[in-house]
């Protein structure tokens, strides 16, 4: 794994909540099983080590857990461990989702775009109104010219 990939995973891990806590029980088969289950639905997970009651250091737990699950240690900071395991099944699901067209607009840009659209529609309506008015007045003049005025007594 390159340092750029590791840095991007660390950035993604900032917003993650820890899924599990490792306490006085230390590493167990249950913890390994739960971690493997978590890797079925996620590629990046965060674990918390309770520093006061854990029998080993977070770095030791990270190394043991990564060896047991076949994952890579992304970072160990304080009592937090971030692990990554590639899951090709998750990549297929992501590709099936349709891509969004264009970037979402900010509120200010969205308001400006809506105002411009409204203005264009009003301009079009105004143009159509005057075109109809001009057309009807020209037609009216033709009708008057074609039919002579008849006076009835």
C-alpha atoms as a PDB file:
ATOM      1  CA  UNK A   1       0.000   0.000   0.000  1.00  0.00           C
ATOM      2  CA  UNK A   2       1.383   3.404  -0.932  1.00  0.00           C
ATOM      3  CA  UNK A   3       1.682   6.284   1.486  1.00  0.00           C
ATOM      4  CA  UNK A   4      -0.919   8.279  -0.491  1.00  0.00           C
ATOM      5  CA  UNK A   5      -3.460   5.475  -0.191  1.00  0.00           C
ATOM      6  CA  UNK A   6      -2.721   5.166   3.515  1.00  0.00           C
ATOM      7  CA  UNK A   7      -3.162   8.939   3.941  1.00  0.00           C
ATOM      8  CA  UNK A   8      -6.527   8.882   2.172  1.00  0.00           C
ATOM      9  CA  UNK A   9      -7.704   6.006   4.391  1.00  0.00           C
ATOM     10  CA  UNK A  10      -6.574   7.926   7.489  1.00  0.00           C
ATOM     11  CA  UNK A  11      -8.594  10.911   6.286  1.00  0.00           C
ATOM     12  CA  UNK A  12     -11.689   8.720   5.797  1.00  0.00           C
ATOM     13  CA  UNK A  13     -11.202   7.145   9.223  1.00  0.00           C
ATOM     14  CA  UNK A  14     -11.469  10.520  10.983  1.00  0.00           C
ATOM     15  CA  UNK A  15     -15.242  10.503  10.642  1.00  0.00           C
ATOM     16  CA  UNK A  16     -15.726   6.822  11.531  1.00  0.00           C
ATOM     17  CA  UNK A  17     -17.116   5.744  14.875  1.00  0.00           C
ATOM     18  CA  UNK A  18     -15.395   2.813  16.632  1.00  0.00           C
ATOM     19  CA  UNK A  19     -17.248  -0.450  16.013  1.00  0.00           C
ATOM     20  CA  UNK A  20     -15.738  -2.455  18.879  1.00  0.00           C
ATOM     21  CA  UNK A  21     -13.912  -1.911  22.139  1.00  0.00           C
ATOM     22  CA  UNK A  22     -11.054  -4.022  23.382  1.00  0.00           C
ATOM     23  CA  UNK A  23     -10.987  -4.105  27.163  1.00  0.00           C
ATOM     24  CA  UNK A  24      -9.694  -6.290  29.972  1.00  0.00           C
ATOM     25  CA  UNK A  25     -10.631  -9.478  28.101  1.00  0.00           C
ATOM     26  CA  UNK A  26      -8.006  -8.653  25.498  1.00  0.00           C
ATOM     27  CA  UNK A  27      -8.038 -10.421  22.183  1.00  0.00           C
ATOM     28  CA  UNK A  28     -10.527 -13.273  21.825  1.00  0.00           C
ATOM     29  CA  UNK A  29     -11.982 -15.471  19.112  1.00  0.00           C
ATOM     30  CA  UNK A  30     -15.227 -13.514  19.347  1.00  0.00           C
ATOM     31  CA  UNK A  31     -13.439 -10.251  18.582  1.00  0.00           C
ATOM     32  CA  UNK A  32     -11.758 -11.780  15.528  1.00  0.00           C
ATOM     33  CA  UNK A  33     -15.093 -13.202  14.305  1.00  0.00           C
ATOM     34  CA  UNK A  34     -16.860  -9.850  14.745  1.00  0.00           C
ATOM     35  CA  UNK A  35     -14.067  -8.053  12.916  1.00  0.00           C
ATOM     36  CA  UNK A  36     -14.273 -10.495  10.013  1.00  0.00           C
ATOM     37  CA  UNK A  37     -18.050  -9.976   9.875  1.00  0.00           C
ATOM     38  CA  UNK A  38     -17.523  -6.203   9.813  1.00  0.00           C
ATOM     39  CA  UNK A  39     -15.122  -6.572   6.872  1.00  0.00           C
ATOM     40  CA  UNK A  40     -17.924  -8.213   4.868  1.00  0.00           C
ATOM     41  CA  UNK A  41     -19.847  -4.938   4.807  1.00  0.00           C
ATOM     42  CA  UNK A  42     -17.045  -2.377   5.198  1.00  0.00           C
ATOM     43  CA  UNK A  43     -13.493  -2.069   4.022  1.00  0.00           C
ATOM     44  CA  UNK A  44     -12.339   0.380   6.682  1.00  0.00           C
ATOM     45  CA  UNK A  45     -13.091  -0.079  10.384  1.00  0.00           C
ATOM     46  CA  UNK A  46     -12.084   1.622  13.597  1.00  0.00           C
ATOM     47  CA  UNK A  47     -11.614  -0.084  16.967  1.00  0.00           C
ATOM     48  CA  UNK A  48     -11.107   1.414  20.408  1.00  0.00           C
ATOM     49  CA  UNK A  49      -8.709   0.037  23.014  1.00  0.00           C
ATOM     50  CA  UNK A  50      -9.530   0.887  26.624  1.00  0.00           C
ATOM     51  CA  UNK A  51      -6.072   1.942  27.793  1.00  0.00           C
ATOM     52  CA  UNK A  52      -6.750   1.615  31.522  1.00  0.00           C
ATOM     53  CA  UNK A  53      -7.950  -1.971  31.486  1.00  0.00           C
ATOM     54  CA  UNK A  54      -6.393  -3.557  28.372  1.00  0.00           C
ATOM     55  CA  UNK A  55      -3.607  -6.067  29.072  1.00  0.00           C
ATOM     56  CA  UNK A  56      -1.532  -5.042  26.015  1.00  0.00           C
ATOM     57  CA  UNK A  57      -0.746  -1.882  24.062  1.00  0.00           C
ATOM     58  CA  UNK A  58      -2.948  -0.790  21.137  1.00  0.00           C
ATOM     59  CA  UNK A  59      -0.064  -1.417  18.706  1.00  0.00           C
ATOM     60  CA  UNK A  60       0.221  -5.058  19.822  1.00  0.00           C
ATOM     61  CA  UNK A  61      -3.533  -5.538  19.471  1.00  0.00           C
ATOM     62  CA  UNK A  62      -3.436  -3.984  15.989  1.00  0.00           C
ATOM     63  CA  UNK A  63      -0.662  -6.298  14.825  1.00  0.00           C
ATOM     64  CA  UNK A  64      -2.345  -9.424  16.215  1.00  0.00           C
ATOM     65  CA  UNK A  65      -5.775  -8.499  14.848  1.00  0.00           C
ATOM     66  CA  UNK A  66      -4.437  -7.656  11.389  1.00  0.00           C
ATOM     67  CA  UNK A  67      -2.605 -11.002  11.263  1.00  0.00           C
ATOM     68  CA  UNK A  68      -5.742 -12.884  12.362  1.00  0.00           C
ATOM     69  CA  UNK A  69      -8.071 -11.156   9.883  1.00  0.00           C
ATOM     70  CA  UNK A  70      -5.701 -10.662   6.947  1.00  0.00           C
ATOM     71  CA  UNK A  71      -6.108  -6.887   7.034  1.00  0.00           C
ATOM     72  CA  UNK A  72      -3.664  -3.988   7.066  1.00  0.00           C
ATOM     73  CA  UNK A  73      -3.057  -1.578   9.916  1.00  0.00           C
ATOM     74  CA  UNK A  74      -3.683   1.954   8.655  1.00  0.00           C
ATOM     75  CA  UNK A  75      -2.987   3.803  11.873  1.00  0.00           C
ATOM     76  CA  UNK A  76      -2.760   3.476  15.626  1.00  0.00           C
ATOM     77  CA  UNK A  77      -3.260   6.723  17.514  1.00  0.00           C
ATOM     78  CA  UNK A  78      -3.746   6.679  21.254  1.00  0.00           C
ATOM     79  CA  UNK A  79      -6.352   4.009  21.882  1.00  0.00           C
ATOM     80  CA  UNK A  80      -7.745   3.974  18.331  1.00  0.00           C
ATOM     81  CA  UNK A  81      -6.899   1.362  15.725  1.00  0.00           C
ATOM     82  CA  UNK A  82      -7.866   1.701  12.053  1.00  0.00           C
ATOM     83  CA  UNK A  83      -7.805  -1.437   9.879  1.00  0.00           C
ATOM     84  CA  UNK A  84      -8.364  -1.889   6.139  1.00  0.00           C
ATOM     85  CA  UNK A  85      -9.206  -5.004   4.164  1.00  0.00           C
ATOM     86  CA  UNK A  86     -10.074  -4.838   0.460  1.00  0.00           C
ATOM     87  CA  UNK A  87     -13.431  -6.367  -0.417  1.00  0.00           C
ATOM     88  CA  UNK A  88     -14.012  -6.847  -4.176  1.00  0.00           C
ATOM     89  CA  UNK A  89     -17.728  -7.549  -3.607  1.00  0.00           C
ATOM     90  CA  UNK A  90     -18.258  -4.027  -2.259  1.00  0.00           C
ATOM     91  CA  UNK A  91     -16.668  -2.509  -5.366  1.00  0.00           C
ATOM     92  CA  UNK A  92     -19.203  -4.245  -7.626  1.00  0.00           C
ATOM     93  CA  UNK A  93     -22.128  -2.813  -5.687  1.00  0.00           C
ATOM     94  CA  UNK A  94     -20.725   0.691  -5.943  1.00  0.00           C
ATOM     95  CA  UNK A  95     -20.446   0.420  -9.729  1.00  0.00           C
ATOM     96  CA  UNK A  96     -24.121  -0.511 -10.102  1.00  0.00           C
ATOM     97  CA  UNK A  97     -25.285   2.819  -8.678  1.00  0.00           C
ATOM     98  CA  UNK A  98     -25.970   5.428 -11.363  1.00  0.00           C
ATOM     99  CA  UNK A  99     -23.553   8.326 -11.428  1.00  0.00           C
ATOM    100  CA  UNK A 100     -24.798  11.784 -10.569  1.00  0.00           C
ATOM    101  CA  UNK A 101     -24.658  14.305 -13.368  1.00  0.00           C
ATOM    102  CA  UNK A 102     -22.610  17.344 -12.491  1.00  0.00           C
ATOM    103  CA  UNK A 103     -21.720  18.759  -9.145  1.00  0.00           C
ATOM    104  CA  UNK A 104     -24.462  19.725  -6.700  1.00  0.00           C
ATOM    105  CA  UNK A 105     -24.925  23.471  -6.565  1.00  0.00           C
ATOM    106  CA  UNK A 106     -24.414  25.527  -3.465  1.00  0.00           C
ATOM    107  CA  UNK A 107     -27.454  27.364  -2.105  1.00  0.00           C
ATOM    108  CA  UNK A 108     -26.339  30.678  -3.561  1.00  0.00           C
ATOM    109  CA  UNK A 109     -25.681  29.232  -7.013  1.00  0.00           C
ATOM    110  CA  UNK A 110     -28.974  27.322  -6.930  1.00  0.00           C
ATOM    111  CA  UNK A 111     -30.881  30.539  -6.143  1.00  0.00           C
ATOM    112  CA  UNK A 112     -29.108  32.388  -8.946  1.00  0.00           C
ATOM    113  CA  UNK A 113     -29.856  29.592 -11.397  1.00  0.00           C
ATOM    114  CA  UNK A 114     -33.535  29.548 -10.401  1.00  0.00           C
ATOM    115  CA  UNK A 115     -33.769  33.348 -10.761  1.00  0.00           C
ATOM    116  CA  UNK A 116     -32.148  33.221 -14.197  1.00  0.00           C
ATOM    117  CA  UNK A 117     -34.540  30.482 -15.301  1.00  0.00           C
ATOM    118  CA  UNK A 118     -37.547  32.489 -14.057  1.00  0.00           C
ATOM    119  CA  UNK A 119     -36.297  35.590 -15.835  1.00  0.00           C
ATOM    120  CA  UNK A 120     -35.845  33.692 -19.103  1.00  0.00           C
ATOM    121  CA  UNK A 121     -39.387  32.296 -18.880  1.00  0.00           C
ATOM    122  CA  UNK A 122     -40.840  35.753 -18.201  1.00  0.00           C
ATOM    123  CA  UNK A 123     -38.916  37.155 -21.166  1.00  0.00           C
ATOM    124  CA  UNK A 124     -40.264  34.382 -23.387  1.00  0.00           C
ATOM    125  CA  UNK A 125     -43.836  34.979 -22.240  1.00  0.00           C
ATOM    126  CA  UNK A 126     -43.487  38.703 -22.862  1.00  0.00           C
ATOM    127  CA  UNK A 127     -42.112  38.062 -26.361  1.00  0.00           C
ATOM    128  CA  UNK A 128     -45.009  35.679 -27.124  1.00  0.00           C
ATOM    129  CA  UNK A 129     -47.557  38.182 -25.801  1.00  0.00           C
ATOM    130  CA  UNK A 130     -46.304  40.990 -28.030  1.00  0.00           C
ATOM    131  CA  UNK A 131     -45.993  38.660 -31.016  1.00  0.00           C
ATOM    132  CA  UNK A 132     -49.636  37.594 -30.612  1.00  0.00           C
ATOM    133  CA  UNK A 133     -50.714  41.208 -30.198  1.00  0.00           C
ATOM    134  CA  UNK A 134     -48.843  42.273 -33.340  1.00  0.00           C
ATOM    135  CA  UNK A 135     -50.180  39.314 -35.311  1.00  0.00           C
ATOM    136  CA  UNK A 136     -53.773  39.982 -34.274  1.00  0.00           C
ATOM    137  CA  UNK A 137     -53.517  43.707 -35.107  1.00  0.00           C
ATOM    138  CA  UNK A 138     -52.107  42.899 -38.564  1.00  0.00           C
ATOM    139  CA  UNK A 139     -54.870  40.403 -39.162  1.00  0.00           C
ATOM    140  CA  UNK A 140     -57.462  42.880 -38.022  1.00  0.00           C
ATOM    141  CA  UNK A 141     -56.204  45.451 -40.520  1.00  0.00           C
ATOM    142  CA  UNK A 142     -56.408  42.877 -43.327  1.00  0.00           C
ATOM    143  CA  UNK A 143     -59.997  42.001 -42.417  1.00  0.00           C
ATOM    144  CA  UNK A 144     -61.051  45.631 -42.466  1.00  0.00           C
ATOM    145  CA  UNK A 145     -59.404  46.203 -45.821  1.00  0.00           C
ATOM    146  CA  UNK A 146     -60.875  43.090 -47.403  1.00  0.00           C
ATOM    147  CA  UNK A 147     -64.487  43.721 -46.280  1.00  0.00           C
ATOM    148  CA  UNK A 148     -65.985  47.036 -47.193  1.00  0.00           C
ATOM    149  CA  UNK A 149     -68.076  48.805 -44.634  1.00  0.00           C
ATOM    150  CA  UNK A 150     -71.803  48.295 -45.210  1.00  0.00           C
ATOM    151  CA  UNK A 151     -74.288  50.594 -43.743  1.00  0.00           C
ATOM    152  CA  UNK A 152     -77.655  49.104 -42.975  1.00  0.00           C
ATOM    153  CA  UNK A 153     -80.864  51.205 -42.639  1.00  0.00           C
END
